[in-house]
């Protein structure tokens, strides 16, 4: 969020490696979809936070809108897990990601 700074997702693997099991790494930066949750976990986050998406749901339909957004993100995450051959989030790793060669 600072011009010229490293993106949070790019910094995440280094942060996770530096703290090891001493700290629980939470990721909260531009997470909008279940795919984003999967990527953050694969890059080393232990948990992923949603900021803006639930606010959209809140504005749309109050509590029911928030619940709908969370259900949609979780459903997409579950689908991504299954399509990548995982039964549980704990088994996701960086090996599940392919680097864009652009």
PDB file of N, CA and C in Angstrom:
ATOM      1  N   UNK A   1       0.804  -1.189   0.000  1.00  0.00           N
ATOM      2  CA  UNK A   1       0.000   0.000   0.000  1.00  0.00           C
ATOM      3  C   UNK A   1       0.846   1.251   0.000  1.00  0.00           C
ATOM      4  N   UNK A   2       2.140   1.054  -0.054  1.00  0.00           N
ATOM      5  CA  UNK A   2       3.065   2.166  -0.189  1.00  0.00           C
ATOM      6  C   UNK A   2       3.720   2.030  -1.553  1.00  0.00           C
ATOM      7  N   UNK A   3       3.737   3.103  -2.323  1.00  0.00           N
ATOM      8  CA  UNK A   3       4.317   3.045  -3.662  1.00  0.00           C
ATOM      9  C   UNK A   3       5.743   2.521  -3.608  1.00  0.00           C
ATOM     10  N   UNK A   4       6.018   1.532  -4.431  1.00  0.00           N
ATOM     11  CA  UNK A   4       7.357   0.965  -4.504  1.00  0.00           C
ATOM     12  C   UNK A   4       7.664  -0.102  -3.472  1.00  0.00           C
ATOM     13  N   UNK A   5       6.742  -0.349  -2.550  1.00  0.00           N
ATOM     14  CA  UNK A   5       6.969  -1.358  -1.509  1.00  0.00           C
ATOM     15  C   UNK A   5       6.653  -2.748  -2.046  1.00  0.00           C
ATOM     16  N   UNK A   6       7.228  -3.750  -1.429  1.00  0.00           N
ATOM     17  CA  UNK A   6       6.951  -5.133  -1.799  1.00  0.00           C
ATOM     18  C   UNK A   6       5.491  -5.459  -1.457  1.00  0.00           C
ATOM     19  N   UNK A   7       4.844  -6.206  -2.320  1.00  0.00           N
ATOM     20  CA  UNK A   7       3.460  -6.607  -2.077  1.00  0.00           C
ATOM     21  C   UNK A   7       3.397  -7.562  -0.891  1.00  0.00           C
ATOM     22  N   UNK A   8       2.311  -7.498  -0.143  1.00  0.00           N
ATOM     23  CA  UNK A   8       2.161  -8.338   1.048  1.00  0.00           C
ATOM     24  C   UNK A   8       2.294  -9.823   0.713  1.00  0.00           C
ATOM     25  N   UNK A   9       1.698 -10.254  -0.388  1.00  0.00           N
ATOM     26  CA  UNK A   9       1.780 -11.672  -0.771  1.00  0.00           C
ATOM     27  C   UNK A   9       3.208 -12.071  -1.115  1.00  0.00           C
ATOM     28  N   UNK A  10       3.965 -11.151  -1.687  1.00  0.00           N
ATOM     29  CA  UNK A  10       5.365 -11.445  -2.006  1.00  0.00           C
ATOM     30  C   UNK A  10       6.222 -11.524  -0.746  1.00  0.00           C
ATOM     31  N   UNK A  11       5.859 -10.767   0.277  1.00  0.00           N
ATOM     32  CA  UNK A  11       6.610 -10.766   1.535  1.00  0.00           C
ATOM     33  C   UNK A  11       6.234 -11.936   2.438  1.00  0.00           C
ATOM     34  N   UNK A  12       5.047 -12.481   2.247  1.00  0.00           N
ATOM     35  CA  UNK A  12       4.514 -13.505   3.149  1.00  0.00           C
ATOM     36  C   UNK A  12       5.417 -14.720   3.346  1.00  0.00           C
ATOM     37  N   UNK A  13       5.964 -15.343   2.308  1.00  0.00           N
ATOM     38  CA  UNK A  13       6.820 -16.514   2.542  1.00  0.00           C
ATOM     39  C   UNK A  13       8.029 -16.201   3.425  1.00  0.00           C
ATOM     40  N   UNK A  14       8.641 -15.051   3.235  1.00  0.00           N
ATOM     41  CA  UNK A  14       9.791 -14.671   4.048  1.00  0.00           C
ATOM     42  C   UNK A  14       9.422 -14.420   5.492  1.00  0.00           C
ATOM     43  N   UNK A  15       8.273 -13.796   5.706  1.00  0.00           N
ATOM     44  CA  UNK A  15       7.798 -13.549   7.072  1.00  0.00           C
ATOM     45  C   UNK A  15       7.515 -14.876   7.761  1.00  0.00           C
ATOM     46  N   UNK A  16       6.799 -15.763   7.072  1.00  0.00           N
ATOM     47  CA  UNK A  16       6.462 -17.066   7.657  1.00  0.00           C
ATOM     48  C   UNK A  16       7.723 -17.858   7.996  1.00  0.00           C
ATOM     49  N   UNK A  17       8.710 -17.817   7.121  1.00  0.00           N
ATOM     50  CA  UNK A  17       9.966 -18.535   7.376  1.00  0.00           C
ATOM     51  C   UNK A  17      10.720 -17.922   8.545  1.00  0.00           C
ATOM     52  N   UNK A  18      10.694 -16.595   8.648  1.00  0.00           N
ATOM     53  CA  UNK A  18      11.438 -15.912   9.710  1.00  0.00           C
ATOM     54  C   UNK A  18      10.871 -16.191  11.096  1.00  0.00           C
ATOM     55  N   UNK A  19       9.548 -16.286  11.213  1.00  0.00           N
ATOM     56  CA  UNK A  19       8.949 -16.490  12.538  1.00  0.00           C
ATOM     57  C   UNK A  19       8.744 -17.963  12.862  1.00  0.00           C
ATOM     58  N   UNK A  20       8.747 -18.819  11.847  1.00  0.00           N
ATOM     59  CA  UNK A  20       8.572 -20.253  12.084  1.00  0.00           C
ATOM     60  C   UNK A  20       7.305 -20.538  12.868  1.00  0.00           C
ATOM     61  N   UNK A  21       7.433 -21.384  13.873  1.00  0.00           N
ATOM     62  CA  UNK A  21       6.283 -21.736  14.712  1.00  0.00           C
ATOM     63  C   UNK A  21       6.161 -20.845  15.945  1.00  0.00           C
ATOM     64  N   UNK A  22       7.026 -19.830  16.044  1.00  0.00           N
ATOM     65  CA  UNK A  22       6.997 -18.954  17.223  1.00  0.00           C
ATOM     66  C   UNK A  22       5.782 -18.032  17.233  1.00  0.00           C
ATOM     67  N   UNK A  23       5.284 -17.687  16.054  1.00  0.00           N
ATOM     68  CA  UNK A  23       4.136 -16.793  15.936  1.00  0.00           C
ATOM     69  C   UNK A  23       3.143 -17.355  14.930  1.00  0.00           C
ATOM     70  N   UNK A  24       1.900 -16.981  15.097  1.00  0.00           N
ATOM     71  CA  UNK A  24       0.857 -17.350  14.139  1.00  0.00           C
ATOM     72  C   UNK A  24       0.746 -16.211  13.126  1.00  0.00           C
ATOM     73  N   UNK A  25       1.074 -16.481  11.878  1.00  0.00           N
ATOM     74  CA  UNK A  25       1.043 -15.450  10.840  1.00  0.00           C
ATOM     75  C   UNK A  25      -0.376 -15.325  10.288  1.00  0.00           C
ATOM     76  N   UNK A  26      -0.951 -14.139  10.445  1.00  0.00           N
ATOM     77  CA  UNK A  26      -2.263 -13.823   9.901  1.00  0.00           C
ATOM     78  C   UNK A  26      -2.063 -12.988   8.647  1.00  0.00           C
ATOM     79  N   UNK A  27      -2.819 -13.270   7.602  1.00  0.00           N
ATOM     80  CA  UNK A  27      -2.683 -12.512   6.355  1.00  0.00           C
ATOM     81  C   UNK A  27      -3.966 -11.754   6.086  1.00  0.00           C
ATOM     82  N   UNK A  28      -3.827 -10.464   5.811  1.00  0.00           N
ATOM     83  CA  UNK A  28      -4.982  -9.615   5.516  1.00  0.00           C
ATOM     84  C   UNK A  28      -4.541  -8.536   4.544  1.00  0.00           C
ATOM     85  N   UNK A  29      -4.651  -8.820   3.264  1.00  0.00           N
ATOM     86  CA  UNK A  29      -4.242  -7.830   2.267  1.00  0.00           C
ATOM     87  C   UNK A  29      -4.860  -8.168   0.922  1.00  0.00           C
ATOM     88  N   UNK A  30      -5.979  -7.568   0.631  1.00  0.00           N
ATOM     89  CA  UNK A  30      -6.603  -7.770  -0.669  1.00  0.00           C
ATOM     90  C   UNK A  30      -7.277  -9.111  -0.856  1.00  0.00           C
ATOM     91  N   UNK A  31      -7.607  -9.787   0.218  1.00  0.00           N
ATOM     92  CA  UNK A  31      -8.259 -11.096   0.124  1.00  0.00           C
ATOM     93  C   UNK A  31      -9.728 -10.877  -0.240  1.00  0.00           C
ATOM     94  N   UNK A  32     -10.122 -11.405  -1.385  1.00  0.00           N
ATOM     95  CA  UNK A  32     -11.492 -11.222  -1.857  1.00  0.00           C
ATOM     96  C   UNK A  32     -12.202 -12.543  -2.154  1.00  0.00           C
ATOM     97  N   UNK A  33     -11.436 -13.613  -2.399  1.00  0.00           N
ATOM     98  CA  UNK A  33     -12.033 -14.862  -2.874  1.00  0.00           C
ATOM     99  C   UNK A  33     -11.455 -16.062  -2.127  1.00  0.00           C
ATOM    100  N   UNK A  34     -12.092 -17.200  -2.317  1.00  0.00           N
ATOM    101  CA  UNK A  34     -11.562 -18.440  -1.770  1.00  0.00           C
ATOM    102  C   UNK A  34     -10.216 -18.796  -2.363  1.00  0.00           C
ATOM    103  N   UNK A  35     -10.007 -18.431  -3.620  1.00  0.00           N
ATOM    104  CA  UNK A  35      -8.698 -18.648  -4.251  1.00  0.00           C
ATOM    105  C   UNK A  35      -7.620 -17.836  -3.544  1.00  0.00           C
ATOM    106  N   UNK A  36      -7.963 -16.606  -3.149  1.00  0.00           N
ATOM    107  CA  UNK A  36      -7.008 -15.769  -2.414  1.00  0.00           C
ATOM    108  C   UNK A  36      -6.653 -16.405  -1.070  1.00  0.00           C
ATOM    109  N   UNK A  37      -7.645 -16.989  -0.405  1.00  0.00           N
ATOM    110  CA  UNK A  37      -7.406 -17.670   0.872  1.00  0.00           C
ATOM    111  C   UNK A  37      -6.438 -18.828   0.654  1.00  0.00           C
ATOM    112  N   UNK A  38      -6.684 -19.624  -0.376  1.00  0.00           N
ATOM    113  CA  UNK A  38      -5.818 -20.759  -0.701  1.00  0.00           C
ATOM    114  C   UNK A  38      -4.382 -20.294  -0.925  1.00  0.00           C
ATOM    115  N   UNK A  39      -4.212 -19.258  -1.729  1.00  0.00           N
ATOM    116  CA  UNK A  39      -2.871 -18.746  -2.037  1.00  0.00           C
ATOM    117  C   UNK A  39      -2.156 -18.267  -0.779  1.00  0.00           C
ATOM    118  N   UNK A  40      -2.869 -17.544   0.083  1.00  0.00           N
ATOM    119  CA  UNK A  40      -2.243 -17.038   1.306  1.00  0.00           C
ATOM    120  C   UNK A  40      -1.795 -18.187   2.207  1.00  0.00           C
ATOM    121  N   UNK A  41      -2.613 -19.216   2.332  1.00  0.00           N
ATOM    122  CA  UNK A  41      -2.219 -20.378   3.135  1.00  0.00           C
ATOM    123  C   UNK A  41      -1.019 -21.079   2.509  1.00  0.00           C
ATOM    124  N   UNK A  42      -1.023 -21.195   1.190  1.00  0.00           N
ATOM    125  CA  UNK A  42       0.092 -21.847   0.497  1.00  0.00           C
ATOM    126  C   UNK A  42       1.392 -21.064   0.664  1.00  0.00           C
ATOM    127  N   UNK A  43       1.284 -19.758   0.812  1.00  0.00           N
ATOM    128  CA  UNK A  43       2.474 -18.916   0.965  1.00  0.00           C
ATOM    129  C   UNK A  43       2.961 -18.813   2.408  1.00  0.00           C
ATOM    130  N   UNK A  44       2.232 -19.449   3.339  1.00  0.00           N
ATOM    131  CA  UNK A  44       2.727 -19.502   4.705  1.00  0.00           C
ATOM    132  C   UNK A  44       1.845 -18.928   5.789  1.00  0.00           C
ATOM    133  N   UNK A  45       0.712 -18.332   5.434  1.00  0.00           N
ATOM    134  CA  UNK A  45      -0.193 -17.811   6.463  1.00  0.00           C
ATOM    135  C   UNK A  45      -0.807 -18.970   7.238  1.00  0.00           C
ATOM    136  N   UNK A  46      -1.042 -18.760   8.511  1.00  0.00           N
ATOM    137  CA  UNK A  46      -1.738 -19.763   9.328  1.00  0.00           C
ATOM    138  C   UNK A  46      -3.234 -19.481   9.362  1.00  0.00           C
ATOM    139  N   UNK A  47      -3.607 -18.227   9.101  1.00  0.00           N
ATOM    140  CA  UNK A  47      -5.011 -17.822   9.046  1.00  0.00           C
ATOM    141  C   UNK A  47      -5.122 -16.643   8.091  1.00  0.00           C
ATOM    142  N   UNK A  48      -6.308 -16.465   7.528  1.00  0.00           N
ATOM    143  CA  UNK A  48      -6.532 -15.405   6.550  1.00  0.00           C
ATOM    144  C   UNK A  48      -7.746 -14.594   6.996  1.00  0.00           C
ATOM    145  N   UNK A  49      -7.606 -13.277   6.937  1.00  0.00           N
ATOM    146  CA  UNK A  49      -8.666 -12.371   7.374  1.00  0.00           C
ATOM    147  C   UNK A  49      -9.350 -11.735   6.167  1.00  0.00           C
ATOM    148  N   UNK A  50     -10.645 -11.525   6.285  1.00  0.00           N
ATOM    149  CA  UNK A  50     -11.410 -10.848   5.235  1.00  0.00           C
ATOM    150  C   UNK A  50     -11.771  -9.457   5.724  1.00  0.00           C
ATOM    151  N   UNK A  51     -11.454  -8.456   4.953  1.00  0.00           N
ATOM    152  CA  UNK A  51     -11.802  -7.094   5.334  1.00  0.00           C
ATOM    153  C   UNK A  51     -12.967  -6.583   4.527  1.00  0.00           C
ATOM    154  N   UNK A  52     -12.691  -6.187   3.320  1.00  0.00           N
ATOM    155  CA  UNK A  52     -13.688  -5.520   2.494  1.00  0.00           C
ATOM    156  C   UNK A  52     -14.872  -6.396   2.074  1.00  0.00           C
ATOM    157  N   UNK A  53     -14.694  -7.661   1.723  1.00  0.00           N
ATOM    158  CA  UNK A  53     -15.839  -8.428   1.218  1.00  0.00           C
ATOM    159  C   UNK A  53     -17.034  -8.480   2.171  1.00  0.00           C
ATOM    160  N   UNK A  54     -16.778  -8.654   3.460  1.00  0.00           N
ATOM    161  CA  UNK A  54     -17.924  -8.737   4.370  1.00  0.00           C
ATOM    162  C   UNK A  54     -18.637  -7.391   4.464  1.00  0.00           C
ATOM    163  N   UNK A  55     -17.913  -6.295   4.290  1.00  0.00           N
ATOM    164  CA  UNK A  55     -18.537  -4.973   4.336  1.00  0.00           C
ATOM    165  C   UNK A  55     -19.476  -4.789   3.145  1.00  0.00           C
ATOM    166  N   UNK A  56     -19.090  -5.329   1.983  1.00  0.00           N
ATOM    167  CA  UNK A  56     -19.986  -5.280   0.825  1.00  0.00           C
ATOM    168  C   UNK A  56     -21.284  -6.017   1.135  1.00  0.00           C
ATOM    169  N   UNK A  57     -21.161  -7.189   1.737  1.00  0.00           N
ATOM    170  CA  UNK A  57     -22.349  -7.951   2.105  1.00  0.00           C
ATOM    171  C   UNK A  57     -23.202  -7.219   3.120  1.00  0.00           C
ATOM    172  N   UNK A  58     -22.546  -6.581   4.078  1.00  0.00           N
ATOM    173  CA  UNK A  58     -23.257  -5.817   5.106  1.00  0.00           C
ATOM    174  C   UNK A  58     -24.064  -4.696   4.468  1.00  0.00           C
ATOM    175  N   UNK A  59     -23.444  -3.986   3.538  1.00  0.00           N
ATOM    176  CA  UNK A  59     -24.139  -2.891   2.871  1.00  0.00           C
ATOM    177  C   UNK A  59     -25.283  -3.368   1.997  1.00  0.00           C
ATOM    178  N   UNK A  60     -25.139  -4.548   1.444  1.00  0.00           N
ATOM    179  CA  UNK A  60     -26.150  -5.084   0.544  1.00  0.00           C
ATOM    180  C   UNK A  60     -27.380  -5.601   1.287  1.00  0.00           C
ATOM    181  N   UNK A  61     -27.136  -6.357   2.377  1.00  0.00           N
ATOM    182  CA  UNK A  61     -28.272  -7.019   3.029  1.00  0.00           C
ATOM    183  C   UNK A  61     -28.047  -7.261   4.519  1.00  0.00           C
ATOM    184  N   UNK A  62     -27.279  -6.404   5.169  1.00  0.00           N
ATOM    185  CA  UNK A  62     -27.080  -6.554   6.607  1.00  0.00           C
ATOM    186  C   UNK A  62     -26.429  -7.879   6.967  1.00  0.00           C
ATOM    187  N   UNK A  63     -26.864  -8.439   8.080  1.00  0.00           N
ATOM    188  CA  UNK A  63     -26.283  -9.696   8.561  1.00  0.00           C
ATOM    189  C   UNK A  63     -26.386 -10.813   7.524  1.00  0.00           C
ATOM    190  N   UNK A  64     -27.533 -10.905   6.877  1.00  0.00           N
ATOM    191  CA  UNK A  64     -27.721 -11.955   5.862  1.00  0.00           C
ATOM    192  C   UNK A  64     -26.721 -11.782   4.722  1.00  0.00           C
ATOM    193  N   UNK A  65     -26.415 -10.551   4.369  1.00  0.00           N
ATOM    194  CA  UNK A  65     -25.435 -10.295   3.321  1.00  0.00           C
ATOM    195  C   UNK A  65     -24.041 -10.722   3.730  1.00  0.00           C
ATOM    196  N   UNK A  66     -23.677 -10.452   4.987  1.00  0.00           N
ATOM    197  CA  UNK A  66     -22.370 -10.873   5.503  1.00  0.00           C
ATOM    198  C   UNK A  66     -22.280 -12.394   5.487  1.00  0.00           C
ATOM    199  N   UNK A  67     -23.324 -13.056   5.968  1.00  0.00           N
ATOM    200  CA  UNK A  67     -23.332 -14.519   5.985  1.00  0.00           C
ATOM    201  C   UNK A  67     -23.218 -15.085   4.572  1.00  0.00           C
ATOM    202  N   UNK A  68     -23.890 -14.450   3.617  1.00  0.00           N
ATOM    203  CA  UNK A  68     -23.825 -14.909   2.226  1.00  0.00           C
ATOM    204  C   UNK A  68     -22.403 -14.781   1.675  1.00  0.00           C
ATOM    205  N   UNK A  69     -21.769 -13.656   1.917  1.00  0.00           N
ATOM    206  CA  UNK A  69     -20.398 -13.444   1.432  1.00  0.00           C
ATOM    207  C   UNK A  69     -19.460 -14.485   2.029  1.00  0.00           C
ATOM    208  N   UNK A  70     -19.563 -14.718   3.323  1.00  0.00           N
ATOM    209  CA  UNK A  70     -18.683 -15.692   3.978  1.00  0.00           C
ATOM    210  C   UNK A  70     -18.929 -17.092   3.425  1.00  0.00           C
ATOM    211  N   UNK A  71     -20.205 -17.454   3.233  1.00  0.00           N
ATOM    212  CA  UNK A  71     -20.520 -18.763   2.642  1.00  0.00           C
ATOM    213  C   UNK A  71     -19.911 -18.898   1.245  1.00  0.00           C
ATOM    214  N   UNK A  72     -19.998 -17.847   0.448  1.00  0.00           N
ATOM    215  CA  UNK A  72     -19.449 -17.890  -0.919  1.00  0.00           C
ATOM    216  C   UNK A  72     -17.935 -18.046  -0.907  1.00  0.00           C
ATOM    217  N   UNK A  73     -17.255 -17.299  -0.048  1.00  0.00           N
ATOM    218  CA  UNK A  73     -15.792 -17.399   0.033  1.00  0.00           C
ATOM    219  C   UNK A  73     -15.395 -18.795   0.498  1.00  0.00           C
ATOM    220  N   UNK A  74     -16.080 -19.315   1.504  1.00  0.00           N
ATOM    221  CA  UNK A  74     -15.764 -20.659   2.001  1.00  0.00           C
ATOM    222  C   UNK A  74     -16.056 -21.730   0.954  1.00  0.00           C
ATOM    223  N   UNK A  75     -17.146 -21.578   0.214  1.00  0.00           N
ATOM    224  CA  UNK A  75     -17.476 -22.555  -0.834  1.00  0.00           C
ATOM    225  C   UNK A  75     -16.411 -22.548  -1.925  1.00  0.00           C
ATOM    226  N   UNK A  76     -15.964 -21.363  -2.315  1.00  0.00           N
ATOM    227  CA  UNK A  76     -14.920 -21.290  -3.337  1.00  0.00           C
ATOM    228  C   UNK A  76     -13.611 -21.873  -2.812  1.00  0.00           C
ATOM    229  N   UNK A  77     -13.305 -21.606  -1.550  1.00  0.00           N
ATOM    230  CA  UNK A  77     -12.096 -22.171  -0.947  1.00  0.00           C
ATOM    231  C   UNK A  77     -12.176 -23.696  -0.913  1.00  0.00           C
ATOM    232  N   UNK A  78     -13.319 -24.233  -0.500  1.00  0.00           N
ATOM    233  CA  UNK A  78     -13.503 -25.690  -0.475  1.00  0.00           C
ATOM    234  C   UNK A  78     -13.337 -26.289  -1.870  1.00  0.00           C
ATOM    235  N   UNK A  79     -13.880 -25.624  -2.881  1.00  0.00           N
ATOM    236  CA  UNK A  79     -13.744 -26.099  -4.255  1.00  0.00           C
ATOM    237  C   UNK A  79     -12.280 -26.078  -4.689  1.00  0.00           C
ATOM    238  N   UNK A  80     -11.579 -25.004  -4.382  1.00  0.00           N
ATOM    239  CA  UNK A  80     -10.162 -24.903  -4.744  1.00  0.00           C
ATOM    240  C   UNK A  80      -9.351 -25.984  -4.046  1.00  0.00           C
ATOM    241  N   UNK A  81      -9.653 -26.236  -2.773  1.00  0.00           N
ATOM    242  CA  UNK A  81      -8.979 -27.326  -2.047  1.00  0.00           C
ATOM    243  C   UNK A  81      -9.187 -28.650  -2.774  1.00  0.00           C
ATOM    244  N   UNK A  82     -10.434 -28.946  -3.086  1.00  0.00           N
ATOM    245  CA  UNK A  82     -10.750 -30.225  -3.728  1.00  0.00           C
ATOM    246  C   UNK A  82     -10.100 -30.339  -5.104  1.00  0.00           C
ATOM    247  N   UNK A  83     -10.160 -29.279  -5.886  1.00  0.00           N
ATOM    248  CA  UNK A  83      -9.584 -29.318  -7.233  1.00  0.00           C
ATOM    249  C   UNK A  83      -8.064 -29.449  -7.210  1.00  0.00           C
ATOM    250  N   UNK A  84      -7.454 -29.044  -6.099  1.00  0.00           N
ATOM    251  CA  UNK A  84      -5.997 -29.168  -5.984  1.00  0.00           C
ATOM    252  C   UNK A  84      -5.591 -30.454  -5.267  1.00  0.00           C
ATOM    253  N   UNK A  85      -6.584 -31.287  -4.947  1.00  0.00           N
ATOM    254  CA  UNK A  85      -6.291 -32.587  -4.355  1.00  0.00           C
ATOM    255  C   UNK A  85      -6.129 -32.597  -2.855  1.00  0.00           C
ATOM    256  N   UNK A  86      -6.636 -31.579  -2.186  1.00  0.00           N
ATOM    257  CA  UNK A  86      -6.497 -31.503  -0.730  1.00  0.00           C
ATOM    258  C   UNK A  86      -7.831 -31.746  -0.038  1.00  0.00           C
ATOM    259  N   UNK A  87      -7.761 -32.421   1.096  1.00  0.00           N
ATOM    260  CA  UNK A  87      -8.953 -32.645   1.904  1.00  0.00           C
ATOM    261  C   UNK A  87      -9.022 -31.676   3.075  1.00  0.00           C
ATOM    262  N   UNK A  88      -7.906 -31.020   3.386  1.00  0.00           N
ATOM    263  CA  UNK A  88      -7.862 -30.114   4.538  1.00  0.00           C
ATOM    264  C   UNK A  88      -6.891 -28.967   4.266  1.00  0.00           C
ATOM    265  N   UNK A  89      -7.172 -27.794   4.813  1.00  0.00           N
ATOM    266  CA  UNK A  89      -6.288 -26.641   4.609  1.00  0.00           C
ATOM    267  C   UNK A  89      -4.865 -26.860   5.108  1.00  0.00           C
ATOM    268  N   UNK A  90      -4.689 -27.672   6.121  1.00  0.00           N
ATOM    269  CA  UNK A  90      -3.359 -27.877   6.716  1.00  0.00           C
ATOM    270  C   UNK A  90      -2.372 -28.521   5.750  1.00  0.00           C
ATOM    271  N   UNK A  91      -2.865 -29.134   4.685  1.00  0.00           N
ATOM    272  CA  UNK A  91      -1.963 -29.815   3.749  1.00  0.00           C
ATOM    273  C   UNK A  91      -1.538 -28.937   2.573  1.00  0.00           C
ATOM    274  N   UNK A  92      -2.045 -27.720   2.514  1.00  0.00           N
ATOM    275  CA  UNK A  92      -1.699 -26.797   1.429  1.00  0.00           C
ATOM    276  C   UNK A  92      -0.278 -26.279   1.638  1.00  0.00           C
ATOM    277  N   UNK A  93       0.495 -26.200   0.551  1.00  0.00           N
ATOM    278  CA  UNK A  93       1.865 -25.680   0.655  1.00  0.00           C
ATOM    279  C   UNK A  93       2.225 -24.899  -0.608  1.00  0.00           C
ATOM    280  N   UNK A  94       3.379 -24.280  -0.588  1.00  0.00           N
ATOM    281  CA  UNK A  94       3.846 -23.502  -1.742  1.00  0.00           C
ATOM    282  C   UNK A  94       3.993 -24.369  -2.986  1.00  0.00           C
ATOM    283  N   UNK A  95       4.164 -25.657  -2.812  1.00  0.00           N
ATOM    284  CA  UNK A  95       4.284 -26.567  -3.959  1.00  0.00           C
ATOM    285  C   UNK A  95       3.000 -26.608  -4.787  1.00  0.00           C
ATOM    286  N   UNK A  96       1.895 -26.142  -4.213  1.00  0.00           N
ATOM    287  CA  UNK A  96       0.616 -26.132  -4.918  1.00  0.00           C
ATOM    288  C   UNK A  96       0.457 -24.931  -5.843  1.00  0.00           C
ATOM    289  N   UNK A  97       1.392 -24.016  -5.798  1.00  0.00           N
ATOM    290  CA  UNK A  97       1.311 -22.804  -6.609  1.00  0.00           C
ATOM    291  C   UNK A  97       2.274 -22.878  -7.781  1.00  0.00           C
ATOM    292  N   UNK A  98       1.903 -22.236  -8.864  1.00  0.00           N
ATOM    293  CA  UNK A  98       2.761 -22.135 -10.039  1.00  0.00           C
ATOM    294  C   UNK A  98       3.084 -20.660 -10.226  1.00  0.00           C
ATOM    295  N   UNK A  99       4.362 -20.351 -10.360  1.00  0.00           N
ATOM    296  CA  UNK A  99       4.760 -18.956 -10.528  1.00  0.00           C
ATOM    297  C   UNK A  99       4.472 -18.491 -11.945  1.00  0.00           C
ATOM    298  N   UNK A 100       3.898 -17.313 -12.056  1.00  0.00           N
ATOM    299  CA  UNK A 100       3.610 -16.712 -13.357  1.00  0.00           C
ATOM    300  C   UNK A 100       4.921 -16.254 -13.982  1.00  0.00           C
ATOM    301  N   UNK A 101       5.226 -16.744 -15.167  1.00  0.00           N
ATOM    302  CA  UNK A 101       6.521 -16.469 -15.800  1.00  0.00           C
ATOM    303  C   UNK A 101       6.511 -15.217 -16.675  1.00  0.00           C
ATOM    304  N   UNK A 102       5.514 -14.376 -16.528  1.00  0.00           N
ATOM    305  CA  UNK A 102       5.454 -13.161 -17.359  1.00  0.00           C
ATOM    306  C   UNK A 102       6.553 -12.214 -17.053  1.00  0.00           C
TER     307      UNK A 102
END
